[in-house]
Full PDB file with SEQRES, HELIX, SHEET, SSBOND, CRYST1, ORIGX, SCALE, CONECT and MASTER records, all heavy atoms in Angstrom:
SEQRES   1 A   43  HIS ILE LEU ILE GLY SER ASP GLU ALA GLU GLN ARG ILE          
SEQRES   2 A   43  ASP ARG TRP LEU ARG ARG ARG PHE THR ASN ILE SER GLN          
SEQRES   3 A   43  ILE GLN ILE GLU LYS LEU CYS ARG LYS GLY GLN ILE ARG          
SEQRES   4 A   43  VAL ASN GLY GLY                                              
HELIX    1 AA1 ILE A   13  ARG A   20  1                                   8    
HELIX    2 AA2 GLN A   26  LYS A   35  1                                  10    
CRYST1    1.000    1.000    1.000  90.00  90.00  90.00 P 1           1          
ORIGX1      1.000000  0.000000  0.000000        0.00000                         
ORIGX2      0.000000  1.000000  0.000000        0.00000                         
ORIGX3      0.000000  0.000000  1.000000        0.00000                         
SCALE1      1.000000  0.000000  0.000000        0.00000                         
SCALE2      0.000000  1.000000  0.000000        0.00000                         
SCALE3      0.000000  0.000000  1.000000        0.00000                         
ATOM      1  N   HIS A   1      32.168  55.427   6.717  1.00  0.00           N  
ATOM      2  CA  HIS A   1      33.715  54.991   6.760  1.00  0.00           C  
ATOM      3  C   HIS A   1      34.564  56.121   7.247  1.00  0.00           C  
ATOM      4  O   HIS A   1      34.781  57.183   6.434  1.00  0.00           O  
ATOM      5  CB  HIS A   1      34.130  54.398   5.441  1.00  0.00           C  
ATOM      6  CG  HIS A   1      33.399  53.173   5.042  1.00  0.00           C  
ATOM      7  ND1 HIS A   1      32.120  53.109   4.395  1.00  0.00           N  
ATOM      8  CD2 HIS A   1      33.698  51.914   5.162  1.00  0.00           C  
ATOM      9  CE1 HIS A   1      31.757  51.922   4.104  1.00  0.00           C  
ATOM     10  NE2 HIS A   1      32.624  51.143   4.708  1.00  0.00           N  
ATOM     11  N   ILE A   2      35.183  56.107   8.412  1.00  0.00           N  
ATOM     12  CA  ILE A   2      35.771  57.180   9.070  1.00  0.00           C  
ATOM     13  C   ILE A   2      37.317  56.863   9.094  1.00  0.00           C  
ATOM     14  O   ILE A   2      37.630  55.828   9.583  1.00  0.00           O  
ATOM     15  CB  ILE A   2      35.216  57.509  10.453  1.00  0.00           C  
ATOM     16  CG1 ILE A   2      33.826  57.897  10.250  1.00  0.00           C  
ATOM     17  CG2 ILE A   2      36.123  58.629  11.042  1.00  0.00           C  
ATOM     18  CD1 ILE A   2      33.090  58.048  11.625  1.00  0.00           C  
ATOM     19  N   LEU A   3      38.161  57.819   8.621  1.00  0.00           N  
ATOM     20  CA  LEU A   3      39.603  57.658   8.717  1.00  0.00           C  
ATOM     21  C   LEU A   3      40.078  58.130   9.991  1.00  0.00           C  
ATOM     22  O   LEU A   3      39.707  59.254  10.440  1.00  0.00           O  
ATOM     23  CB  LEU A   3      40.251  58.383   7.544  1.00  0.00           C  
ATOM     24  CG  LEU A   3      41.789  58.447   7.627  1.00  0.00           C  
ATOM     25  CD1 LEU A   3      42.336  56.973   7.267  1.00  0.00           C  
ATOM     26  CD2 LEU A   3      42.260  59.340   6.544  1.00  0.00           C  
ATOM     27  N   ILE A   4      40.777  57.374  10.814  1.00  0.00           N  
ATOM     28  CA  ILE A   4      41.424  57.724  12.049  1.00  0.00           C  
ATOM     29  C   ILE A   4      42.595  58.869  11.710  1.00  0.00           C  
ATOM     30  O   ILE A   4      43.547  58.428  10.994  1.00  0.00           O  
ATOM     31  CB  ILE A   4      41.979  56.604  12.866  1.00  0.00           C  
ATOM     32  CG1 ILE A   4      40.913  55.684  13.191  1.00  0.00           C  
ATOM     33  CG2 ILE A   4      42.606  57.081  14.219  1.00  0.00           C  
ATOM     34  CD1 ILE A   4      39.817  56.222  13.976  1.00  0.00           C  
ATOM     35  N   GLY A   5      42.481  59.952  12.203  1.00  0.00           N  
ATOM     36  CA  GLY A   5      43.438  61.012  11.857  1.00  0.00           C  
ATOM     37  C   GLY A   5      44.869  60.871  12.589  1.00  0.00           C  
ATOM     38  O   GLY A   5      44.960  60.075  13.517  1.00  0.00           O  
ATOM     39  N   SER A   6      45.809  61.481  11.902  1.00  0.00           N  
ATOM     40  CA  SER A   6      47.190  61.432  12.465  1.00  0.00           C  
ATOM     41  C   SER A   6      47.348  62.018  13.762  1.00  0.00           C  
ATOM     42  O   SER A   6      48.261  61.676  14.562  1.00  0.00           O  
ATOM     43  CB  SER A   6      48.115  61.987  11.482  1.00  0.00           C  
ATOM     44  OG  SER A   6      47.686  63.372  11.315  1.00  0.00           O  
ATOM     45  N   ASP A   7      46.275  62.861  14.198  1.00  0.00           N  
ATOM     46  CA  ASP A   7      46.318  63.532  15.566  1.00  0.00           C  
ATOM     47  C   ASP A   7      45.747  62.723  16.673  1.00  0.00           C  
ATOM     48  O   ASP A   7      45.641  63.095  17.773  1.00  0.00           O  
ATOM     49  CB  ASP A   7      45.780  64.902  15.476  1.00  0.00           C  
ATOM     50  CG  ASP A   7      44.367  64.890  15.015  1.00  0.00           C  
ATOM     51  OD1 ASP A   7      43.873  63.905  14.388  1.00  0.00           O  
ATOM     52  OD2 ASP A   7      43.606  65.798  15.294  1.00  0.00           O  
ATOM     53  N   GLU A   8      45.196  61.532  16.256  1.00  0.00           N  
ATOM     54  CA  GLU A   8      44.501  60.698  17.193  1.00  0.00           C  
ATOM     55  C   GLU A   8      45.360  59.566  17.670  1.00  0.00           C  
ATOM     56  O   GLU A   8      45.951  58.863  16.917  1.00  0.00           O  
ATOM     57  CB  GLU A   8      43.228  60.051  16.589  1.00  0.00           C  
ATOM     58  CG  GLU A   8      42.213  61.202  16.236  1.00  0.00           C  
ATOM     59  CD  GLU A   8      40.973  60.506  15.811  1.00  0.00           C  
ATOM     60  OE1 GLU A   8      40.083  60.282  16.480  1.00  0.00           O  
ATOM     61  OE2 GLU A   8      40.767  60.376  14.457  1.00  0.00           O  
ATOM     62  N   ALA A   9      45.691  59.555  18.947  1.00  0.00           N  
ATOM     63  CA  ALA A   9      46.508  58.497  19.555  1.00  0.00           C  
ATOM     64  C   ALA A   9      45.851  57.112  19.512  1.00  0.00           C  
ATOM     65  O   ALA A   9      44.725  56.938  19.321  1.00  0.00           O  
ATOM     66  CB  ALA A   9      46.912  58.909  20.946  1.00  0.00           C  
ATOM     67  N   GLU A  10      46.691  56.120  19.656  1.00  0.00           N  
ATOM     68  CA  GLU A  10      46.268  54.692  19.687  1.00  0.00           C  
ATOM     69  C   GLU A  10      45.362  54.580  20.966  1.00  0.00           C  
ATOM     70  O   GLU A  10      45.548  55.131  21.978  1.00  0.00           O  
ATOM     71  CB  GLU A  10      47.435  53.762  19.971  1.00  0.00           C  
ATOM     72  CG  GLU A  10      46.904  52.289  20.308  1.00  0.00           C  
ATOM     73  CD  GLU A  10      48.150  51.480  20.847  1.00  0.00           C  
ATOM     74  OE1 GLU A  10      49.281  51.996  20.908  1.00  0.00           O  
ATOM     75  OE2 GLU A  10      47.823  50.435  21.356  1.00  0.00           O  
ATOM     76  N   GLN A  11      44.187  53.911  20.715  1.00  0.00           N  
ATOM     77  CA  GLN A  11      43.152  53.826  21.798  1.00  0.00           C  
ATOM     78  C   GLN A  11      42.218  52.634  21.376  1.00  0.00           C  
ATOM     79  O   GLN A  11      42.139  52.237  20.259  1.00  0.00           O  
ATOM     80  CB  GLN A  11      42.389  55.116  21.822  1.00  0.00           C  
ATOM     81  CG  GLN A  11      41.616  55.576  20.565  1.00  0.00           C  
ATOM     82  CD  GLN A  11      41.182  56.962  20.623  1.00  0.00           C  
ATOM     83  OE1 GLN A  11      40.174  57.187  21.335  1.00  0.00           O  
ATOM     84  NE2 GLN A  11      41.714  57.903  19.735  1.00  0.00           N  
ATOM     85  N   ARG A  12      41.426  52.299  22.439  1.00  0.00           N  
ATOM     86  CA  ARG A  12      40.355  51.328  22.275  1.00  0.00           C  
ATOM     87  C   ARG A  12      39.279  51.742  21.277  1.00  0.00           C  
ATOM     88  O   ARG A  12      38.865  52.928  21.525  1.00  0.00           O  
ATOM     89  CB  ARG A  12      39.868  50.712  23.612  1.00  0.00           C  
ATOM     90  CG  ARG A  12      40.805  49.752  24.298  1.00  0.00           C  
ATOM     91  CD  ARG A  12      40.239  49.539  25.687  1.00  0.00           C  
ATOM     92  NE  ARG A  12      38.979  48.893  25.545  1.00  0.00           N  
ATOM     93  CZ  ARG A  12      38.643  47.885  26.293  1.00  0.00           C  
ATOM     94  NH1 ARG A  12      39.469  47.249  27.069  1.00  0.00           N  
ATOM     95  NH2 ARG A  12      37.371  47.439  26.329  1.00  0.00           N  
ATOM     96  N   ILE A  13      38.772  50.801  20.475  1.00  0.00           N  
ATOM     97  CA  ILE A  13      37.712  51.246  19.641  1.00  0.00           C  
ATOM     98  C   ILE A  13      36.316  51.674  20.353  1.00  0.00           C  
ATOM     99  O   ILE A  13      35.678  52.624  20.015  1.00  0.00           O  
ATOM    100  CB  ILE A  13      37.260  50.162  18.629  1.00  0.00           C  
ATOM    101  CG1 ILE A  13      36.115  50.593  17.602  1.00  0.00           C  
ATOM    102  CG2 ILE A  13      36.924  48.752  19.402  1.00  0.00           C  
ATOM    103  CD1 ILE A  13      36.589  51.495  16.668  1.00  0.00           C  
ATOM    104  N   ASP A  14      36.072  51.029  21.527  1.00  0.00           N  
ATOM    105  CA  ASP A  14      34.888  51.322  22.197  1.00  0.00           C  
ATOM    106  C   ASP A  14      34.960  52.767  22.823  1.00  0.00           C  
ATOM    107  O   ASP A  14      33.884  53.498  22.804  1.00  0.00           O  
ATOM    108  CB  ASP A  14      34.428  50.229  23.358  1.00  0.00           C  
ATOM    109  CG  ASP A  14      35.585  50.029  24.147  1.00  0.00           C  
ATOM    110  OD1 ASP A  14      36.743  50.528  24.079  1.00  0.00           O  
ATOM    111  OD2 ASP A  14      35.438  49.226  25.134  1.00  0.00           O  
ATOM    112  N   ARG A  15      36.122  53.198  23.379  1.00  0.00           N  
ATOM    113  CA  ARG A  15      36.273  54.535  23.920  1.00  0.00           C  
ATOM    114  C   ARG A  15      36.199  55.516  22.754  1.00  0.00           C  
ATOM    115  O   ARG A  15      35.623  56.569  22.933  1.00  0.00           O  
ATOM    116  CB  ARG A  15      37.634  54.587  24.602  1.00  0.00           C  
ATOM    117  CG  ARG A  15      37.646  53.646  25.752  1.00  0.00           C  
ATOM    118  CD  ARG A  15      38.982  53.589  26.398  1.00  0.00           C  
ATOM    119  NE  ARG A  15      39.073  52.479  27.415  1.00  0.00           N  
ATOM    120  CZ  ARG A  15      40.210  51.933  27.884  1.00  0.00           C  
ATOM    121  NH1 ARG A  15      41.317  52.526  27.467  1.00  0.00           N  
ATOM    122  NH2 ARG A  15      40.035  50.827  28.744  1.00  0.00           N  
ATOM    123  N   TRP A  16      36.778  55.332  21.583  1.00  0.00           N  
ATOM    124  CA  TRP A  16      36.732  56.219  20.499  1.00  0.00           C  
ATOM    125  C   TRP A  16      35.227  56.373  19.996  1.00  0.00           C  
ATOM    126  O   TRP A  16      34.820  57.404  19.732  1.00  0.00           O  
ATOM    127  CB  TRP A  16      37.557  55.659  19.337  1.00  0.00           C  
ATOM    128  CG  TRP A  16      37.555  56.438  18.142  1.00  0.00           C  
ATOM    129  CD1 TRP A  16      38.437  57.484  17.823  1.00  0.00           C  
ATOM    130  CD2 TRP A  16      36.768  56.406  16.937  1.00  0.00           C  
ATOM    131  NE1 TRP A  16      38.102  58.055  16.670  1.00  0.00           N  
ATOM    132  CE2 TRP A  16      37.193  57.378  16.059  1.00  0.00           C  
ATOM    133  CE3 TRP A  16      35.721  55.477  16.652  1.00  0.00           C  
ATOM    134  CZ2 TRP A  16      36.436  57.436  14.780  1.00  0.00           C  
ATOM    135  CZ3 TRP A  16      35.010  55.683  15.492  1.00  0.00           C  
ATOM    136  CH2 TRP A  16      35.363  56.590  14.531  1.00  0.00           C  
ATOM    137  N   LEU A  17      34.489  55.247  20.010  1.00  0.00           N  
ATOM    138  CA  LEU A  17      33.021  55.451  19.536  1.00  0.00           C  
ATOM    139  C   LEU A  17      32.194  56.252  20.524  1.00  0.00           C  
ATOM    140  O   LEU A  17      31.426  57.000  20.199  1.00  0.00           O  
ATOM    141  CB  LEU A  17      32.445  53.975  19.464  1.00  0.00           C  
ATOM    142  CG  LEU A  17      32.987  53.284  18.247  1.00  0.00           C  
ATOM    143  CD1 LEU A  17      32.688  51.764  18.346  1.00  0.00           C  
ATOM    144  CD2 LEU A  17      32.282  53.818  16.972  1.00  0.00           C  
ATOM    145  N   ARG A  18      32.402  56.039  21.856  1.00  0.00           N  
ATOM    146  CA  ARG A  18      31.644  56.585  22.800  1.00  0.00           C  
ATOM    147  C   ARG A  18      32.014  58.240  22.842  1.00  0.00           C  
ATOM    148  O   ARG A  18      31.082  58.914  23.207  1.00  0.00           O  
ATOM    149  CB  ARG A  18      31.778  56.052  24.207  1.00  0.00           C  
ATOM    150  CG  ARG A  18      31.177  54.621  24.356  1.00  0.00           C  
ATOM    151  CD  ARG A  18      30.851  54.294  25.776  1.00  0.00           C  
ATOM    152  NE  ARG A  18      32.073  54.577  26.650  1.00  0.00           N  
ATOM    153  CZ  ARG A  18      32.967  53.718  26.777  1.00  0.00           C  
ATOM    154  NH1 ARG A  18      33.009  52.523  26.092  1.00  0.00           N  
ATOM    155  NH2 ARG A  18      34.016  53.880  27.564  1.00  0.00           N  
ATOM    156  N   ARG A  19      33.136  58.460  22.520  1.00  0.00           N  
ATOM    157  CA  ARG A  19      33.502  59.933  22.546  1.00  0.00           C  
ATOM    158  C   ARG A  19      32.982  60.597  21.270  1.00  0.00           C  
ATOM    159  O   ARG A  19      32.472  61.746  21.326  1.00  0.00           O  
ATOM    160  CB  ARG A  19      35.083  60.245  22.531  1.00  0.00           C  
ATOM    161  CG  ARG A  19      35.660  60.054  23.935  1.00  0.00           C  
ATOM    162  CD  ARG A  19      36.999  60.601  24.038  1.00  0.00           C  
ATOM    163  NE  ARG A  19      37.957  59.799  23.215  1.00  0.00           N  
ATOM    164  CZ  ARG A  19      38.586  58.782  23.544  1.00  0.00           C  
ATOM    165  NH1 ARG A  19      38.473  58.366  24.832  1.00  0.00           N  
ATOM    166  NH2 ARG A  19      39.444  58.157  22.826  1.00  0.00           N  
ATOM    167  N   ARG A  20      32.872  59.848  20.196  1.00  0.00           N  
ATOM    168  CA  ARG A  20      32.385  60.422  19.011  1.00  0.00           C  
ATOM    169  C   ARG A  20      30.861  60.392  18.768  1.00  0.00           C  
ATOM    170  O   ARG A  20      30.305  61.227  18.227  1.00  0.00           O  
ATOM    171  CB  ARG A  20      33.043  59.723  17.787  1.00  0.00           C  
ATOM    172  CG  ARG A  20      32.988  60.440  16.478  1.00  0.00           C  
ATOM    173  CD  ARG A  20      33.928  59.693  15.458  1.00  0.00           C  
ATOM    174  NE  ARG A  20      34.162  60.546  14.217  1.00  0.00           N  
ATOM    175  CZ  ARG A  20      35.220  61.124  13.714  1.00  0.00           C  
ATOM    176  NH1 ARG A  20      36.249  61.032  14.479  1.00  0.00           N  
ATOM    177  NH2 ARG A  20      35.230  61.830  12.701  1.00  0.00           N  
ATOM    178  N   PHE A  21      30.324  59.385  19.365  1.00  0.00           N  
ATOM    179  CA  PHE A  21      28.857  59.170  19.293  1.00  0.00           C  
ATOM    180  C   PHE A  21      28.299  59.026  20.712  1.00  0.00           C  
ATOM    181  O   PHE A  21      28.314  57.927  21.280  1.00  0.00           O  
ATOM    182  CB  PHE A  21      28.427  57.982  18.427  1.00  0.00           C  
ATOM    183  CG  PHE A  21      28.974  57.962  16.996  1.00  0.00           C  
ATOM    184  CD1 PHE A  21      30.110  57.153  16.827  1.00  0.00           C  
ATOM    185  CD2 PHE A  21      28.601  58.761  16.083  1.00  0.00           C  
ATOM    186  CE1 PHE A  21      30.738  57.115  15.611  1.00  0.00           C  
ATOM    187  CE2 PHE A  21      28.964  58.650  14.672  1.00  0.00           C  
ATOM    188  CZ  PHE A  21      30.203  57.939  14.492  1.00  0.00           C  
ATOM    189  N   THR A  22      27.872  60.174  21.246  1.00  0.00           N  
ATOM    190  CA  THR A  22      27.621  60.241  22.817  1.00  0.00           C  
ATOM    191  C   THR A  22      26.297  59.552  23.153  1.00  0.00           C  
ATOM    192  O   THR A  22      26.083  59.316  24.181  1.00  0.00           O  
ATOM    193  CB  THR A  22      27.530  61.658  23.192  1.00  0.00           C  
ATOM    194  OG1 THR A  22      26.527  62.394  22.457  1.00  0.00           O  
ATOM    195  CG2 THR A  22      28.753  62.397  23.044  1.00  0.00           C  
ATOM    196  N   ASN A  23      25.620  59.150  22.077  1.00  0.00           N  
ATOM    197  CA  ASN A  23      24.260  58.406  22.429  1.00  0.00           C  
ATOM    198  C   ASN A  23      24.327  56.961  22.337  1.00  0.00           C  
ATOM    199  O   ASN A  23      23.261  56.173  22.479  1.00  0.00           O  
ATOM    200  CB  ASN A  23      23.075  59.008  21.572  1.00  0.00           C  
ATOM    201  CG  ASN A  23      23.326  58.682  20.103  1.00  0.00           C  
ATOM    202  OD1 ASN A  23      24.438  58.271  19.697  1.00  0.00           O  
ATOM    203  ND2 ASN A  23      22.178  58.558  19.372  1.00  0.00           N  
ATOM    204  N   ILE A  24      25.518  56.385  22.315  1.00  0.00           N  
ATOM    205  CA  ILE A  24      25.611  54.942  22.066  1.00  0.00           C  
ATOM    206  C   ILE A  24      26.309  54.370  23.335  1.00  0.00           C  
ATOM    207  O   ILE A  24      27.135  55.062  24.026  1.00  0.00           O  
ATOM    208  CB  ILE A  24      26.588  54.588  20.906  1.00  0.00           C  
ATOM    209  CG1 ILE A  24      26.598  53.024  20.693  1.00  0.00           C  
ATOM    210  CG2 ILE A  24      27.970  54.976  21.084  1.00  0.00           C  
ATOM    211  CD1 ILE A  24      27.224  52.698  19.410  1.00  0.00           C  
ATOM    212  N   SER A  25      25.760  53.335  23.751  1.00  0.00           N  
ATOM    213  CA  SER A  25      26.171  52.742  25.037  1.00  0.00           C  
ATOM    214  C   SER A  25      27.197  51.667  24.822  1.00  0.00           C  
ATOM    215  O   SER A  25      27.406  51.004  23.688  1.00  0.00           O  
ATOM    216  CB  SER A  25      24.908  52.057  25.860  1.00  0.00           C  
ATOM    217  OG  SER A  25      24.513  50.862  25.191  1.00  0.00           O  
ATOM    218  N   GLN A  26      27.873  51.094  25.877  1.00  0.00           N  
ATOM    219  CA  GLN A  26      28.833  50.050  25.823  1.00  0.00           C  
ATOM    220  C   GLN A  26      28.256  48.864  25.407  1.00  0.00           C  
ATOM    221  O   GLN A  26      28.927  48.107  24.399  1.00  0.00           O  
ATOM    222  CB  GLN A  26      29.571  49.933  27.216  1.00  0.00           C  
ATOM    223  CG  GLN A  26      30.545  48.898  27.201  1.00  0.00           C  
ATOM    224  CD  GLN A  26      31.861  49.206  26.464  1.00  0.00           C  
ATOM    225  OE1 GLN A  26      32.136  50.362  26.253  1.00  0.00           O  
ATOM    226  NE2 GLN A  26      32.628  48.247  25.997  1.00  0.00           N  
ATOM    227  N   ILE A  27      27.047  48.493  25.768  1.00  0.00           N  
ATOM    228  CA  ILE A  27      26.466  47.217  25.451  1.00  0.00           C  
ATOM    229  C   ILE A  27      26.154  47.247  24.043  1.00  0.00           C  
ATOM    230  O   ILE A  27      26.268  46.239  23.266  1.00  0.00           O  
ATOM    231  CB  ILE A  27      25.246  47.075  26.282  1.00  0.00           C  
ATOM    232  CG1 ILE A  27      25.558  46.826  27.821  1.00  0.00           C  
ATOM    233  CG2 ILE A  27      24.418  45.974  25.882  1.00  0.00           C  
ATOM    234  CD1 ILE A  27      24.353  46.637  28.682  1.00  0.00           C  
ATOM    235  N   GLN A  28      25.700  48.425  23.511  1.00  0.00           N  
ATOM    236  CA  GLN A  28      25.363  48.416  22.028  1.00  0.00           C  
ATOM    237  C   GLN A  28      26.575  48.389  21.214  1.00  0.00           C  
ATOM    238  O   GLN A  28      26.551  47.742  20.157  1.00  0.00           O  
ATOM    239  CB  GLN A  28      24.667  49.798  21.770  1.00  0.00           C  
ATOM    240  CG  GLN A  28      23.231  49.862  22.256  1.00  0.00           C  
ATOM    241  CD  GLN A  28      22.661  51.328  22.432  1.00  0.00           C  
ATOM    242  OE1 GLN A  28      23.437  52.180  22.405  1.00  0.00           O  
ATOM    243  NE2 GLN A  28      21.389  51.413  22.517  1.00  0.00           N  
ATOM    244  N   ILE A  29      27.737  48.931  21.570  1.00  0.00           N  
ATOM    245  CA  ILE A  29      28.977  48.730  20.922  1.00  0.00           C  
ATOM    246  C   ILE A  29      29.357  47.323  20.848  1.00  0.00           C  
ATOM    247  O   ILE A  29      29.795  46.802  19.776  1.00  0.00           O  
ATOM    248  CB  ILE A  29      30.040  49.548  21.608  1.00  0.00           C  
ATOM    249  CG1 ILE A  29      29.809  51.103  21.457  1.00  0.00           C  
ATOM    250  CG2 ILE A  29      31.496  49.282  20.940  1.00  0.00           C  
ATOM    251  CD1 ILE A  29      30.662  51.971  22.164  1.00  0.00           C  
ATOM    252  N   GLU A  30      29.234  46.635  21.922  1.00  0.00           N  
ATOM    253  CA  GLU A  30      29.626  45.149  21.997  1.00  0.00           C  
ATOM    254  C   GLU A  30      28.824  44.381  21.097  1.00  0.00           C  
ATOM    255  O   GLU A  30      29.193  43.425  20.445  1.00  0.00           O  
ATOM    256  CB  GLU A  30      29.675  44.632  23.453  1.00  0.00           C  
ATOM    257  CG  GLU A  30      30.756  45.401  24.304  1.00  0.00           C  
ATOM    258  CD  GLU A  30      30.904  44.713  25.596  1.00  0.00           C  
ATOM    259  OE1 GLU A  30      30.428  43.523  25.688  1.00  0.00           O  
ATOM    260  OE2 GLU A  30      31.633  45.240  26.460  1.00  0.00           O  
ATOM    261  N   LYS A  31      27.529  44.613  21.003  1.00  0.00           N  
ATOM    262  CA  LYS A  31      26.556  43.936  20.112  1.00  0.00           C  
ATOM    263  C   LYS A  31      26.940  44.173  18.655  1.00  0.00           C  
ATOM    264  O   LYS A  31      26.960  43.291  17.812  1.00  0.00           O  
ATOM    265  CB  LYS A  31      25.147  44.335  20.406  1.00  0.00           C  
ATOM    266  CG  LYS A  31      24.499  43.815  21.666  1.00  0.00           C  
ATOM    267  CD  LYS A  31      23.069  44.242  21.936  1.00  0.00           C  
ATOM    268  CE  LYS A  31      22.500  43.564  23.102  1.00  0.00           C  
ATOM    269  NZ  LYS A  31      21.074  44.054  23.272  1.00  0.00           N  
ATOM    270  N   LEU A  32      27.169  45.389  18.346  1.00  0.00           N  
ATOM    271  CA  LEU A  32      27.584  45.775  16.948  1.00  0.00           C  
ATOM    272  C   LEU A  32      28.869  44.998  16.567  1.00  0.00           C  
ATOM    273  O   LEU A  32      29.062  44.654  15.413  1.00  0.00           O  
ATOM    274  CB  LEU A  32      27.622  47.181  16.850  1.00  0.00           C  
ATOM    275  CG  LEU A  32      26.345  47.999  16.920  1.00  0.00           C  
ATOM    276  CD1 LEU A  32      26.582  49.535  16.923  1.00  0.00           C  
ATOM    277  CD2 LEU A  32      25.339  47.582  15.778  1.00  0.00           C  
ATOM    278  N   CYS A  33      29.780  44.995  17.466  1.00  0.00           N  
ATOM    279  CA  CYS A  33      31.081  44.364  17.199  1.00  0.00           C  
ATOM    280  C   CYS A  33      30.831  42.734  17.046  1.00  0.00           C  
ATOM    281  O   CYS A  33      31.437  42.174  16.006  1.00  0.00           O  
ATOM    282  CB  CYS A  33      32.119  44.570  18.168  1.00  0.00           C  
ATOM    283  SG  CYS A  33      32.736  46.228  18.330  1.00  0.00           S  
ATOM    284  N   ARG A  34      30.050  42.239  17.904  1.00  0.00           N  
ATOM    285  CA  ARG A  34      29.879  40.720  17.703  1.00  0.00           C  
ATOM    286  C   ARG A  34      29.125  40.430  16.362  1.00  0.00           C  
ATOM    287  O   ARG A  34      29.408  39.397  15.723  1.00  0.00           O  
ATOM    288  CB  ARG A  34      28.952  40.320  18.895  1.00  0.00           C  
ATOM    289  CG  ARG A  34      29.627  40.124  20.271  1.00  0.00           C  
ATOM    290  CD  ARG A  34      28.912  39.273  21.142  1.00  0.00           C  
ATOM    291  NE  ARG A  34      27.664  39.704  21.510  1.00  0.00           N  
ATOM    292  CZ  ARG A  34      27.436  40.565  22.449  1.00  0.00           C  
ATOM    293  NH1 ARG A  34      28.269  41.115  23.243  1.00  0.00           N  
ATOM    294  NH2 ARG A  34      26.084  40.967  22.687  1.00  0.00           N  
ATOM    295  N   LYS A  35      28.280  41.238  15.886  1.00  0.00           N  
ATOM    296  CA  LYS A  35      27.610  41.028  14.607  1.00  0.00           C  
ATOM    297  C   LYS A  35      28.417  41.568  13.453  1.00  0.00           C  
ATOM    298  O   LYS A  35      27.959  41.260  12.234  1.00  0.00           O  
ATOM    299  CB  LYS A  35      26.182  41.775  14.735  1.00  0.00           C  
ATOM    300  CG  LYS A  35      25.265  41.281  15.807  1.00  0.00           C  
ATOM    301  CD  LYS A  35      23.918  42.190  15.729  1.00  0.00           C  
ATOM    302  CE  LYS A  35      22.949  41.550  16.673  1.00  0.00           C  
ATOM    303  NZ  LYS A  35      21.677  42.401  16.807  1.00  0.00           N  
ATOM    304  N   GLY A  36      29.522  42.124  13.623  1.00  0.00           N  
ATOM    305  CA  GLY A  36      30.449  42.371  12.494  1.00  0.00           C  
ATOM    306  C   GLY A  36      29.970  43.639  11.855  1.00  0.00           C  
ATOM    307  O   GLY A  36      30.426  43.900  10.746  1.00  0.00           O  
ATOM    308  N   GLN A  37      29.104  44.515  12.469  1.00  0.00           N  
ATOM    309  CA  GLN A  37      28.641  45.670  11.898  1.00  0.00           C  
ATOM    310  C   GLN A  37      29.554  46.866  12.050  1.00  0.00           C  
ATOM    311  O   GLN A  37      29.541  47.874  11.345  1.00  0.00           O  
ATOM    312  CB  GLN A  37      27.280  46.141  12.486  1.00  0.00           C  
ATOM    313  CG  GLN A  37      26.126  45.159  12.173  1.00  0.00           C  
ATOM    314  CD  GLN A  37      24.735  45.476  12.547  1.00  0.00           C  
ATOM    315  OE1 GLN A  37      24.433  46.681  12.377  1.00  0.00           O  
ATOM    316  NE2 GLN A  37      24.083  44.743  13.463  1.00  0.00           N  
ATOM    317  N   ILE A  38      30.457  46.787  13.083  1.00  0.00           N  
ATOM    318  CA  ILE A  38      31.658  47.818  13.222  1.00  0.00           C  
ATOM    319  C   ILE A  38      32.802  47.022  12.783  1.00  0.00           C  
ATOM    320  O   ILE A  38      33.214  45.929  13.337  1.00  0.00           O  
ATOM    321  CB  ILE A  38      31.670  48.284  14.743  1.00  0.00           C  
ATOM    322  CG1 ILE A  38      30.390  49.133  15.032  1.00  0.00           C  
ATOM    323  CG2 ILE A  38      32.965  49.184  14.794  1.00  0.00           C  
ATOM    324  CD1 ILE A  38      30.485  49.545  16.466  1.00  0.00           C  
ATOM    325  N   ARG A  39      33.500  47.552  11.810  1.00  0.00           N  
ATOM    326  CA  ARG A  39      34.825  46.914  11.485  1.00  0.00           C  
ATOM    327  C   ARG A  39      35.996  47.955  11.236  1.00  0.00           C  
ATOM    328  O   ARG A  39      35.700  48.965  11.086  1.00  0.00           O  
ATOM    329  CB  ARG A  39      34.514  46.170   9.980  1.00  0.00           C  
ATOM    330  CG  ARG A  39      33.590  45.048  10.039  1.00  0.00           C  
ATOM    331  CD  ARG A  39      33.165  44.487   8.642  1.00  0.00           C  
ATOM    332  NE  ARG A  39      32.313  43.333   8.772  1.00  0.00           N  
ATOM    333  CZ  ARG A  39      32.812  42.061   8.581  1.00  0.00           C  
ATOM    334  NH1 ARG A  39      34.004  41.904   8.293  1.00  0.00           N  
ATOM    335  NH2 ARG A  39      31.815  41.144   8.634  1.00  0.00           N  
ATOM    336  N   VAL A  40      37.172  47.286  11.303  1.00  0.00           N  
ATOM    337  CA  VAL A  40      38.301  48.126  10.978  1.00  0.00           C  
ATOM    338  C   VAL A  40      39.130  47.625   9.869  1.00  0.00           C  
ATOM    339  O   VAL A  40      39.558  46.414   9.862  1.00  0.00           O  
ATOM    340  CB  VAL A  40      39.305  48.142  12.352  1.00  0.00           C  
ATOM    341  CG1 VAL A  40      40.543  48.848  12.052  1.00  0.00           C  
ATOM    342  CG2 VAL A  40      38.505  48.693  13.585  1.00  0.00           C  
ATOM    343  N   ASN A  41      39.299  48.477   8.873  1.00  0.00           N  
ATOM    344  CA  ASN A  41      39.976  48.033   7.626  1.00  0.00           C  
ATOM    345  C   ASN A  41      39.440  46.841   7.011  1.00  0.00           C  
ATOM    346  O   ASN A  41      39.987  45.907   6.506  1.00  0.00           O  
ATOM    347  CB  ASN A  41      41.480  47.792   7.854  1.00  0.00           C  
ATOM    348  CG  ASN A  41      42.238  49.117   8.119  1.00  0.00           C  
ATOM    349  OD1 ASN A  41      41.630  50.181   7.867  1.00  0.00           O  
ATOM    350  ND2 ASN A  41      43.486  48.886   8.514  1.00  0.00           N  
ATOM    351  N   GLY A  42      38.000  46.764   7.194  1.00  0.00           N  
ATOM    352  CA  GLY A  42      37.150  45.653   6.555  1.00  0.00           C  
ATOM    353  C   GLY A  42      37.086  44.323   7.483  1.00  0.00           C  
ATOM    354  O   GLY A  42      36.471  43.430   7.072  1.00  0.00           O  
ATOM    355  N   GLY A  43      37.877  44.340   8.504  1.00  0.00           N  
ATOM    356  CA  GLY A  43      37.916  43.134   9.452  1.00  0.00           C  
ATOM    357  C   GLY A  43      37.039  43.252  10.523  1.00  0.00           C  
ATOM    358  O   GLY A  43      36.818  44.304  11.105  1.00  0.00           O  
TER     359      GLY A  43                                                      
MASTER        0    0    0    2    0    0    0    6  358    1    0    4          
END                                                                             
């Protein structure tokens, strides 16, 4: 559970994930979002 810091500007979740986890692909991100495995504030 990662807190978005005050020094991080508004941005898309997929771009934030790919910068933070360089071995994850766009397709994998979309699958994880569809399955509800990646969530923001529980949603």
